Amino acid sequence: MKKLYVGNLPFSMSNDDLRNLFEQHGSVSSANIIQDRETGRSRGFGFVEMDSDSDASSAIESVNGHDCDGRPLVVNEAKPREERSGGGGGRRGGW
């Protein structure tokens, strides 16, 4: 199984639309568009999991640069998620 990053998605695209686009190139196990936590709107990118490496390679070649509602899609192999450091917040400066 290979996970693909898909960027520059039109904000009107649904998970089903994304799945249908990639199913033309092989078997898709999941297709998920990332949404903003606060607004629920698309963030303009998502991930697709293809069942085989050859299907994923075919999809990358065919869909990368594909015009979708006037936007050229960016497709490549997803990189492993980096661990985020905890903490955050807090103020700096003199009190």
PDB file of N, CA and C in Angstrom:
ATOM      1  N   MET A   1       0.855  -1.175   0.000  1.00  0.00           N
ATOM      2  CA  MET A   1       0.000   0.000   0.000  1.00  0.00           C
ATOM      3  C   MET A   1       0.898   1.233   0.000  1.00  0.00           C
ATOM      4  N   LYS A   2       0.526   2.241  -0.788  1.00  0.00           N
ATOM      5  CA  LYS A   2       1.306   3.454  -0.871  1.00  0.00           C
ATOM      6  C   LYS A   2       0.401   4.656  -0.655  1.00  0.00           C
ATOM      7  N   LYS A   3       0.876   5.606   0.170  1.00  0.00           N
ATOM      8  CA  LYS A   3       0.110   6.805   0.481  1.00  0.00           C
ATOM      9  C   LYS A   3       0.627   7.963  -0.367  1.00  0.00           C
ATOM     10  N   LEU A   4      -0.312   8.672  -1.000  1.00  0.00           N
ATOM     11  CA  LEU A   4       0.022   9.801  -1.861  1.00  0.00           C
ATOM     12  C   LEU A   4      -0.502  11.097  -1.277  1.00  0.00           C
ATOM     13  N   TYR A   5       0.293  12.152  -1.416  1.00  0.00           N
ATOM     14  CA  TYR A   5      -0.125  13.506  -1.064  1.00  0.00           C
ATOM     15  C   TYR A   5      -0.721  14.130  -2.323  1.00  0.00           C
ATOM     16  N   VAL A   6      -1.863  14.807  -2.175  1.00  0.00           N
ATOM     17  CA  VAL A   6      -2.495  15.500  -3.299  1.00  0.00           C
ATOM     18  C   VAL A   6      -2.745  16.937  -2.871  1.00  0.00           C
ATOM     19  N   GLY A   7      -2.090  17.872  -3.542  1.00  0.00           N
ATOM     20  CA  GLY A   7      -2.203  19.273  -3.176  1.00  0.00           C
ATOM     21  C   GLY A   7      -2.836  20.119  -4.266  1.00  0.00           C
ATOM     22  N   ASN A   8      -3.162  21.341  -3.913  1.00  0.00           N
ATOM     23  CA  ASN A   8      -3.785  22.335  -4.789  1.00  0.00           C
ATOM     24  C   ASN A   8      -5.184  21.893  -5.233  1.00  0.00           C
ATOM     25  N   LEU A   9      -5.880  21.214  -4.323  1.00  0.00           N
ATOM     26  CA  LEU A   9      -7.237  20.742  -4.631  1.00  0.00           C
ATOM     27  C   LEU A   9      -8.217  21.911  -4.644  1.00  0.00           C
ATOM     28  N   PRO A  10      -9.203  21.872  -5.555  1.00  0.00           N
ATOM     29  CA  PRO A  10     -10.258  22.883  -5.493  1.00  0.00           C
ATOM     30  C   PRO A  10     -11.045  22.704  -4.185  1.00  0.00           C
ATOM     31  N   PHE A  11     -11.460  23.801  -3.588  1.00  0.00           N
ATOM     32  CA  PHE A  11     -12.161  23.736  -2.305  1.00  0.00           C
ATOM     33  C   PHE A  11     -13.525  23.071  -2.422  1.00  0.00           C
ATOM     34  N   SER A  12     -14.036  22.944  -3.647  1.00  0.00           N
ATOM     35  CA  SER A  12     -15.339  22.307  -3.860  1.00  0.00           C
ATOM     36  C   SER A  12     -15.237  20.784  -3.957  1.00  0.00           C
ATOM     37  N   MET A  13     -14.037  20.240  -4.020  1.00  0.00           N
ATOM     38  CA  MET A  13     -13.864  18.792  -4.208  1.00  0.00           C
ATOM     39  C   MET A  13     -14.206  18.038  -2.921  1.00  0.00           C
ATOM     40  N   SER A  14     -14.894  16.903  -3.088  1.00  0.00           N
ATOM     41  CA  SER A  14     -15.266  16.051  -1.951  1.00  0.00           C
ATOM     42  C   SER A  14     -14.337  14.833  -1.898  1.00  0.00           C
ATOM     43  N   ASN A  15     -14.413  14.088  -0.797  1.00  0.00           N
ATOM     44  CA  ASN A  15     -13.649  12.852  -0.677  1.00  0.00           C
ATOM     45  C   ASN A  15     -14.011  11.879  -1.793  1.00  0.00           C
ATOM     46  N   ASP A  16     -15.302  11.800  -2.131  1.00  0.00           N
ATOM     47  CA  ASP A  16     -15.746  10.895  -3.200  1.00  0.00           C
ATOM     48  C   ASP A  16     -15.179  11.326  -4.549  1.00  0.00           C
ATOM     49  N   ASP A  17     -15.136  12.649  -4.804  1.00  0.00           N
ATOM     50  CA  ASP A  17     -14.553  13.147  -6.057  1.00  0.00           C
ATOM     51  C   ASP A  17     -13.080  12.746  -6.147  1.00  0.00           C
ATOM     52  N   LEU A  18     -12.370  12.890  -5.039  1.00  0.00           N
ATOM     53  CA  LEU A  18     -10.950  12.538  -5.004  1.00  0.00           C
ATOM     54  C   LEU A  18     -10.761  11.046  -5.254  1.00  0.00           C
ATOM     55  N   ARG A  19     -11.569  10.235  -4.596  1.00  0.00           N
ATOM     56  CA  ARG A  19     -11.503   8.782  -4.793  1.00  0.00           C
ATOM     57  C   ARG A  19     -11.768   8.428  -6.256  1.00  0.00           C
ATOM     58  N   ASN A  20     -12.808   9.009  -6.846  1.00  0.00           N
ATOM     59  CA  ASN A  20     -13.152   8.705  -8.242  1.00  0.00           C
ATOM     60  C   ASN A  20     -12.023   9.080  -9.202  1.00  0.00           C
ATOM     61  N   LEU A  21     -11.359  10.191  -8.945  1.00  0.00           N
ATOM     62  CA  LEU A  21     -10.253  10.619  -9.789  1.00  0.00           C
ATOM     63  C   LEU A  21      -9.119   9.597  -9.770  1.00  0.00           C
ATOM     64  N   PHE A  22      -8.800   9.064  -8.601  1.00  0.00           N
ATOM     65  CA  PHE A  22      -7.682   8.125  -8.483  1.00  0.00           C
ATOM     66  C   PHE A  22      -8.067   6.694  -8.829  1.00  0.00           C
ATOM     67  N   GLU A  23      -9.346   6.327  -8.720  1.00  0.00           N
ATOM     68  CA  GLU A  23      -9.769   4.969  -9.077  1.00  0.00           C
ATOM     69  C   GLU A  23      -9.610   4.690 -10.562  1.00  0.00           C
ATOM     70  N   GLN A  24      -9.467   5.734 -11.366  1.00  0.00           N
ATOM     71  CA  GLN A  24      -9.216   5.543 -12.796  1.00  0.00           C
ATOM     72  C   GLN A  24      -7.837   4.930 -13.034  1.00  0.00           C
ATOM     73  N   HIS A  25      -6.984   4.932 -11.996  1.00  0.00           N
ATOM     74  CA  HIS A  25      -5.611   4.458 -12.138  1.00  0.00           C
ATOM     75  C   HIS A  25      -5.311   3.243 -11.276  1.00  0.00           C
ATOM     76  N   GLY A  26      -6.312   2.709 -10.586  1.00  0.00           N
ATOM     77  CA  GLY A  26      -6.110   1.511  -9.783  1.00  0.00           C
ATOM     78  C   GLY A  26      -7.003   1.502  -8.568  1.00  0.00           C
ATOM     79  N   SER A  27      -6.755   0.518  -7.719  1.00  0.00           N
ATOM     80  CA  SER A  27      -7.580   0.314  -6.537  1.00  0.00           C
ATOM     81  C   SER A  27      -7.187   1.291  -5.430  1.00  0.00           C
ATOM     82  N   VAL A  28      -8.195   2.002  -4.898  1.00  0.00           N
ATOM     83  CA  VAL A  28      -7.982   2.992  -3.849  1.00  0.00           C
ATOM     84  C   VAL A  28      -8.557   2.455  -2.544  1.00  0.00           C
ATOM     85  N   SER A  29      -7.738   2.431  -1.485  1.00  0.00           N
ATOM     86  CA  SER A  29      -8.258   1.973  -0.202  1.00  0.00           C
ATOM     87  C   SER A  29      -8.825   3.121   0.624  1.00  0.00           C
ATOM     88  N   SER A  30      -8.312   4.360   0.429  1.00  0.00           N
ATOM     89  CA  SER A  30      -8.903   5.506   1.115  1.00  0.00           C
ATOM     90  C   SER A  30      -8.543   6.790   0.381  1.00  0.00           C
ATOM     91  N   ALA A  31      -9.416   7.776   0.514  1.00  0.00           N
ATOM     92  CA  ALA A  31      -9.198   9.110  -0.043  1.00  0.00           C
ATOM     93  C   ALA A  31      -9.775  10.096   0.966  1.00  0.00           C
ATOM     94  N   ASN A  32      -8.933  11.011   1.442  1.00  0.00           N
ATOM     95  CA  ASN A  32      -9.355  11.899   2.514  1.00  0.00           C
ATOM     96  C   ASN A  32      -8.827  13.313   2.281  1.00  0.00           C
ATOM     97  N   ILE A  33      -9.725  14.275   2.193  1.00  0.00           N
ATOM     98  CA  ILE A  33      -9.352  15.670   2.081  1.00  0.00           C
ATOM     99  C   ILE A  33      -9.278  16.245   3.491  1.00  0.00           C
ATOM    100  N   ILE A  34      -8.188  16.931   3.785  1.00  0.00           N
ATOM    101  CA  ILE A  34      -7.971  17.489   5.118  1.00  0.00           C
ATOM    102  C   ILE A  34      -8.806  18.758   5.276  1.00  0.00           C
ATOM    103  N   GLN A  35      -9.491  18.846   6.417  1.00  0.00           N
ATOM    104  CA  GLN A  35     -10.376  19.984   6.672  1.00  0.00           C
ATOM    105  C   GLN A  35      -9.871  20.792   7.860  1.00  0.00           C
ATOM    106  N   ASP A  36     -10.155  22.079   7.827  1.00  0.00           N
ATOM    107  CA  ASP A  36      -9.818  22.971   8.931  1.00  0.00           C
ATOM    108  C   ASP A  36     -10.650  22.573  10.146  1.00  0.00           C
ATOM    109  N   ARG A  37     -10.018  22.480  11.295  1.00  0.00           N
ATOM    110  CA  ARG A  37     -10.724  22.045  12.507  1.00  0.00           C
ATOM    111  C   ARG A  37     -11.811  23.019  12.931  1.00  0.00           C
ATOM    112  N   GLU A  38     -11.555  24.295  12.756  1.00  0.00           N
ATOM    113  CA  GLU A  38     -12.508  25.291  13.242  1.00  0.00           C
ATOM    114  C   GLU A  38     -13.657  25.560  12.274  1.00  0.00           C
ATOM    115  N   THR A  39     -13.352  25.611  10.967  1.00  0.00           N
ATOM    116  CA  THR A  39     -14.397  25.969   9.998  1.00  0.00           C
ATOM    117  C   THR A  39     -15.005  24.761   9.301  1.00  0.00           C
ATOM    118  N   GLY A  40     -14.281  23.635   9.273  1.00  0.00           N
ATOM    119  CA  GLY A  40     -14.772  22.463   8.561  1.00  0.00           C
ATOM    120  C   GLY A  40     -14.573  22.545   7.057  1.00  0.00           C
ATOM    121  N   ARG A  41     -13.954  23.630   6.575  1.00  0.00           N
ATOM    122  CA  ARG A  41     -13.698  23.793   5.137  1.00  0.00           C
ATOM    123  C   ARG A  41     -12.428  23.062   4.738  1.00  0.00           C
ATOM    124  N   SER A  42     -12.363  22.701   3.474  1.00  0.00           N
ATOM    125  CA  SER A  42     -11.182  22.047   2.935  1.00  0.00           C
ATOM    126  C   SER A  42      -9.958  22.936   3.099  1.00  0.00           C
ATOM    127  N   ARG A  43      -8.820  22.303   3.368  1.00  0.00           N
ATOM    128  CA  ARG A  43      -7.559  23.049   3.447  1.00  0.00           C
ATOM    129  C   ARG A  43      -6.819  23.002   2.115  1.00  0.00           C
ATOM    130  N   GLY A  44      -7.418  22.355   1.107  1.00  0.00           N
ATOM    131  CA  GLY A  44      -6.841  22.355  -0.236  1.00  0.00           C
ATOM    132  C   GLY A  44      -5.848  21.237  -0.505  1.00  0.00           C
ATOM    133  N   PHE A  45      -5.769  20.265   0.413  1.00  0.00           N
ATOM    134  CA  PHE A  45      -4.911  19.110   0.165  1.00  0.00           C
ATOM    135  C   PHE A  45      -5.510  17.880   0.836  1.00  0.00           C
ATOM    136  N   GLY A  46      -5.000  16.730   0.433  1.00  0.00           N
ATOM    137  CA  GLY A  46      -5.506  15.487   1.011  1.00  0.00           C
ATOM    138  C   GLY A  46      -4.544  14.347   0.748  1.00  0.00           C
ATOM    139  N   PHE A  47      -4.992  13.144   1.104  1.00  0.00           N
ATOM    140  CA  PHE A  47      -4.173  11.949   0.956  1.00  0.00           C
ATOM    141  C   PHE A  47      -5.005  10.834   0.349  1.00  0.00           C
ATOM    142  N   VAL A  48      -4.346  10.052  -0.508  1.00  0.00           N
ATOM    143  CA  VAL A  48      -4.982   8.901  -1.140  1.00  0.00           C
ATOM    144  C   VAL A  48      -4.089   7.700  -0.890  1.00  0.00           C
ATOM    145  N   GLU A  49      -4.681   6.589  -0.449  1.00  0.00           N
ATOM    146  CA  GLU A  49      -3.930   5.350  -0.289  1.00  0.00           C
ATOM    147  C   GLU A  49      -4.302   4.404  -1.416  1.00  0.00           C
ATOM    148  N   MET A  50      -3.283   4.021  -2.168  1.00  0.00           N
ATOM    149  CA  MET A  50      -3.471   3.096  -3.285  1.00  0.00           C
ATOM    150  C   MET A  50      -3.024   1.710  -2.833  1.00  0.00           C
ATOM    151  N   ASP A  51      -3.708   0.670  -3.341  1.00  0.00           N
ATOM    152  CA  ASP A  51      -3.421  -0.690  -2.893  1.00  0.00           C
ATOM    153  C   ASP A  51      -2.084  -1.238  -3.386  1.00  0.00           C
ATOM    154  N   SER A  52      -1.588  -0.760  -4.531  1.00  0.00           N
ATOM    155  CA  SER A  52      -0.310  -1.281  -5.031  1.00  0.00           C
ATOM    156  C   SER A  52       0.619  -0.147  -5.429  1.00  0.00           C
ATOM    157  N   ASP A  53       1.914  -0.433  -5.360  1.00  0.00           N
ATOM    158  CA  ASP A  53       2.917   0.563  -5.740  1.00  0.00           C
ATOM    159  C   ASP A  53       2.807   0.927  -7.215  1.00  0.00           C
ATOM    160  N   SER A  54       2.508  -0.059  -8.059  1.00  0.00           N
ATOM    161  CA  SER A  54       2.406   0.228  -9.497  1.00  0.00           C
ATOM    162  C   SER A  54       1.204   1.125  -9.798  1.00  0.00           C
ATOM    163  N   ASP A  55       0.078   0.901  -9.104  1.00  0.00           N
ATOM    164  CA  ASP A  55      -1.089   1.774  -9.279  1.00  0.00           C
ATOM    165  C   ASP A  55      -0.753   3.195  -8.817  1.00  0.00           C
ATOM    166  N   ALA A  56      -0.026   3.297  -7.706  1.00  0.00           N
ATOM    167  CA  ALA A  56       0.353   4.612  -7.169  1.00  0.00           C
ATOM    168  C   ALA A  56       1.264   5.337  -8.157  1.00  0.00           C
ATOM    169  N   SER A  57       2.229   4.639  -8.727  1.00  0.00           N
ATOM    170  CA  SER A  57       3.137   5.259  -9.695  1.00  0.00           C
ATOM    171  C   SER A  57       2.391   5.741 -10.924  1.00  0.00           C
ATOM    172  N   SER A  58       1.445   4.935 -11.391  1.00  0.00           N
ATOM    173  CA  SER A  58       0.620   5.314 -12.542  1.00  0.00           C
ATOM    174  C   SER A  58      -0.209   6.553 -12.226  1.00  0.00           C
ATOM    175  N   ALA A  59      -0.778   6.588 -11.023  1.00  0.00           N
ATOM    176  CA  ALA A  59      -1.599   7.732 -10.614  1.00  0.00           C
ATOM    177  C   ALA A  59      -0.757   9.003 -10.510  1.00  0.00           C
ATOM    178  N   ILE A  60       0.449   8.896  -9.957  1.00  0.00           N
ATOM    179  CA  ILE A  60       1.320  10.071  -9.838  1.00  0.00           C
ATOM    180  C   ILE A  60       1.613  10.627 -11.227  1.00  0.00           C
ATOM    181  N   GLU A  61       1.995   9.748 -12.165  1.00  0.00           N
ATOM    182  CA  GLU A  61       2.318  10.192 -13.519  1.00  0.00           C
ATOM    183  C   GLU A  61       1.130  10.839 -14.214  1.00  0.00           C
ATOM    184  N   SER A  62      -0.052  10.268 -14.025  1.00  0.00           N
ATOM    185  CA  SER A  62      -1.232  10.747 -14.749  1.00  0.00           C
ATOM    186  C   SER A  62      -1.895  11.962 -14.114  1.00  0.00           C
ATOM    187  N   VAL A  63      -1.956  12.006 -12.792  1.00  0.00           N
ATOM    188  CA  VAL A  63      -2.746  13.042 -12.120  1.00  0.00           C
ATOM    189  C   VAL A  63      -1.913  14.278 -11.766  1.00  0.00           C
ATOM    190  N   ASN A  64      -0.603  14.107 -11.542  1.00  0.00           N
ATOM    191  CA  ASN A  64       0.243  15.255 -11.217  1.00  0.00           C
ATOM    192  C   ASN A  64       0.209  16.256 -12.378  1.00  0.00           C
ATOM    193  N   GLY A  65      -0.172  17.489 -12.092  1.00  0.00           N
ATOM    194  CA  GLY A  65      -0.291  18.521 -13.120  1.00  0.00           C
ATOM    195  C   GLY A  65      -1.647  18.551 -13.804  1.00  0.00           C
ATOM    196  N   HIS A  66      -2.491  17.563 -13.523  1.00  0.00           N
ATOM    197  CA  HIS A  66      -3.841  17.492 -14.103  1.00  0.00           C
ATOM    198  C   HIS A  66      -4.638  18.729 -13.694  1.00  0.00           C
ATOM    199  N   ASP A  67      -5.299  19.356 -14.661  1.00  0.00           N
ATOM    200  CA  ASP A  67      -6.108  20.543 -14.381  1.00  0.00           C
ATOM    201  C   ASP A  67      -7.444  20.111 -13.789  1.00  0.00           C
ATOM    202  N   CYS A  68      -7.734  20.612 -12.606  1.00  0.00           N
ATOM    203  CA  CYS A  68      -8.992  20.299 -11.929  1.00  0.00           C
ATOM    204  C   CYS A  68      -9.639  21.617 -11.514  1.00  0.00           C
ATOM    205  N   ASP A  69     -10.688  22.009 -12.193  1.00  0.00           N
ATOM    206  CA  ASP A  69     -11.356  23.292 -11.943  1.00  0.00           C
ATOM    207  C   ASP A  69     -10.375  24.460 -12.007  1.00  0.00           C
ATOM    208  N   GLY A  70      -9.485  24.424 -12.998  1.00  0.00           N
ATOM    209  CA  GLY A  70      -8.537  25.511 -13.200  1.00  0.00           C
ATOM    210  C   GLY A  70      -7.322  25.477 -12.296  1.00  0.00           C
ATOM    211  N   ARG A  71      -7.170  24.400 -11.529  1.00  0.00           N
ATOM    212  CA  ARG A  71      -6.026  24.292 -10.618  1.00  0.00           C
ATOM    213  C   ARG A  71      -5.188  23.070 -10.996  1.00  0.00           C
ATOM    214  N   PRO A  72      -3.889  23.248 -11.232  1.00  0.00           N
ATOM    215  CA  PRO A  72      -3.031  22.084 -11.526  1.00  0.00           C
ATOM    216  C   PRO A  72      -2.744  21.313 -10.238  1.00  0.00           C
ATOM    217  N   LEU A  73      -3.146  20.054 -10.206  1.00  0.00           N
ATOM    218  CA  LEU A  73      -2.953  19.243  -9.005  1.00  0.00           C
ATOM    219  C   LEU A  73      -1.480  18.879  -8.816  1.00  0.00           C
ATOM    220  N   VAL A  74      -1.080  18.771  -7.564  1.00  0.00           N
ATOM    221  CA  VAL A  74       0.268  18.340  -7.202  1.00  0.00           C
ATOM    222  C   VAL A  74       0.125  16.982  -6.524  1.00  0.00           C
ATOM    223  N   VAL A  75       0.771  15.971  -7.102  1.00  0.00           N
ATOM    224  CA  VAL A  75       0.672  14.613  -6.546  1.00  0.00           C
ATOM    225  C   VAL A  75       2.074  14.043  -6.400  1.00  0.00           C
ATOM    226  N   ASN A  76       2.373  13.544  -5.211  1.00  0.00           N
ATOM    227  CA  ASN A  76       3.630  12.840  -4.990  1.00  0.00           C
ATOM    228  C   ASN A  76       3.466  11.886  -3.819  1.00  0.00           C
ATOM    229  N   GLU A  77       4.493  11.072  -3.617  1.00  0.00           N
ATOM    230  CA  GLU A  77       4.442  10.120  -2.506  1.00  0.00           C
ATOM    231  C   GLU A  77       4.463  10.895  -1.195  1.00  0.00           C
ATOM    232  N   ALA A  78       3.574  10.533  -0.288  1.00  0.00           N
ATOM    233  CA  ALA A  78       3.486  11.222   1.003  1.00  0.00           C
ATOM    234  C   ALA A  78       4.714  10.898   1.836  1.00  0.00           C
ATOM    235  N   LYS A  79       5.196  11.918   2.535  1.00  0.00           N
ATOM    236  CA  LYS A  79       6.326  11.735   3.441  1.00  0.00           C
ATOM    237  C   LYS A  79       5.777  11.333   4.803  1.00  0.00           C
ATOM    238  N   PRO A  80       6.560  10.577   5.563  1.00  0.00           N
ATOM    239  CA  PRO A  80       6.101  10.212   6.919  1.00  0.00           C
ATOM    240  C   PRO A  80       5.859  11.469   7.750  1.00  0.00           C
ATOM    241  N   ARG A  81       4.859  11.402   8.576  1.00  0.00           N
ATOM    242  CA  ARG A  81       4.504  12.548   9.418  1.00  0.00           C
ATOM    243  C   ARG A  81       5.589  12.771  10.465  1.00  0.00           C
ATOM    244  N   GLU A  82       6.022  14.012  10.581  1.00  0.00           N
ATOM    245  CA  GLU A  82       7.045  14.339  11.567  1.00  0.00           C
ATOM    246  C   GLU A  82       6.400  14.543  12.921  1.00  0.00           C
ATOM    247  N   GLU A  83       7.114  14.126  13.958  1.00  0.00           N
ATOM    248  CA  GLU A  83       6.634  14.352  15.315  1.00  0.00           C
ATOM    249  C   GLU A  83       6.699  15.837  15.628  1.00  0.00           C
ATOM    250  N   ARG A  84       5.668  16.344  16.224  1.00  0.00           N
ATOM    251  CA  ARG A  84       5.655  17.738  16.635  1.00  0.00           C
ATOM    252  C   ARG A  84       6.139  17.829  18.068  1.00  0.00           C
ATOM    253  N   SER A  85       6.863  18.890  18.350  1.00  0.00           N
ATOM    254  CA  SER A  85       7.286  19.072  19.730  1.00  0.00           C
ATOM    255  C   SER A  85       6.105  19.591  20.535  1.00  0.00           C
ATOM    256  N   GLY A  86       6.033  19.168  21.757  1.00  0.00           N
ATOM    257  CA  GLY A  86       4.923  19.591  22.622  1.00  0.00           C
ATOM    258  C   GLY A  86       5.119  21.006  23.107  1.00  0.00           C
ATOM    259  N   GLY A  87       4.314  21.415  23.999  1.00  0.00           N
ATOM    260  CA  GLY A  87       4.442  22.756  24.565  1.00  0.00           C
ATOM    261  C   GLY A  87       3.763  23.774  23.689  1.00  0.00           C
ATOM    262  N   GLY A  88       4.455  24.850  23.439  1.00  0.00           N
ATOM    263  CA  GLY A  88       3.868  25.908  22.644  1.00  0.00           C
ATOM    264  C   GLY A  88       3.155  26.880  23.550  1.00  0.00           C
ATOM    265  N   GLY A  89       2.574  27.840  22.942  1.00  0.00           N
ATOM    266  CA  GLY A  89       1.888  28.858  23.735  1.00  0.00           C
ATOM    267  C   GLY A  89       2.899  29.623  24.557  1.00  0.00           C
ATOM    268  N   GLY A  90       2.501  30.068  25.674  1.00  0.00           N
ATOM    269  CA  GLY A  90       3.426  30.779  26.555  1.00  0.00           C
ATOM    270  C   GLY A  90       3.801  32.144  25.997  1.00  0.00           C
ATOM    271  N   ARG A  91       4.158  33.023  26.862  1.00  0.00           N
ATOM    272  CA  ARG A  91       4.539  34.366  26.434  1.00  0.00           C
ATOM    273  C   ARG A  91       6.027  34.556  26.600  1.00  0.00           C
ATOM    274  N   ARG A  92       6.546  35.417  25.770  1.00  0.00           N
ATOM    275  CA  ARG A  92       7.928  35.820  25.897  1.00  0.00           C
ATOM    276  C   ARG A  92       7.930  37.310  26.240  1.00  0.00           C
ATOM    277  N   GLY A  93       9.021  37.722  26.779  1.00  0.00           N
ATOM    278  CA  GLY A  93       9.127  39.141  27.041  1.00  0.00           C
ATOM    279  C   GLY A  93       9.124  39.416  28.535  1.00  0.00           C
ATOM    280  N   GLY A  94       9.382  40.630  28.822  1.00  0.00           N
ATOM    281  CA  GLY A  94       9.493  40.998  30.234  1.00  0.00           C
ATOM    282  C   GLY A  94       8.137  41.220  30.875  1.00  0.00           C
ATOM    283  N   TRP A  95       8.034  40.714  32.043  1.00  0.00           N
ATOM    284  CA  TRP A  95       6.810  40.935  32.825  1.00  0.00           C
ATOM    285  C   TRP A  95       7.158  41.701  34.034  1.00  0.00           C
TER     286      TRP A  95
END
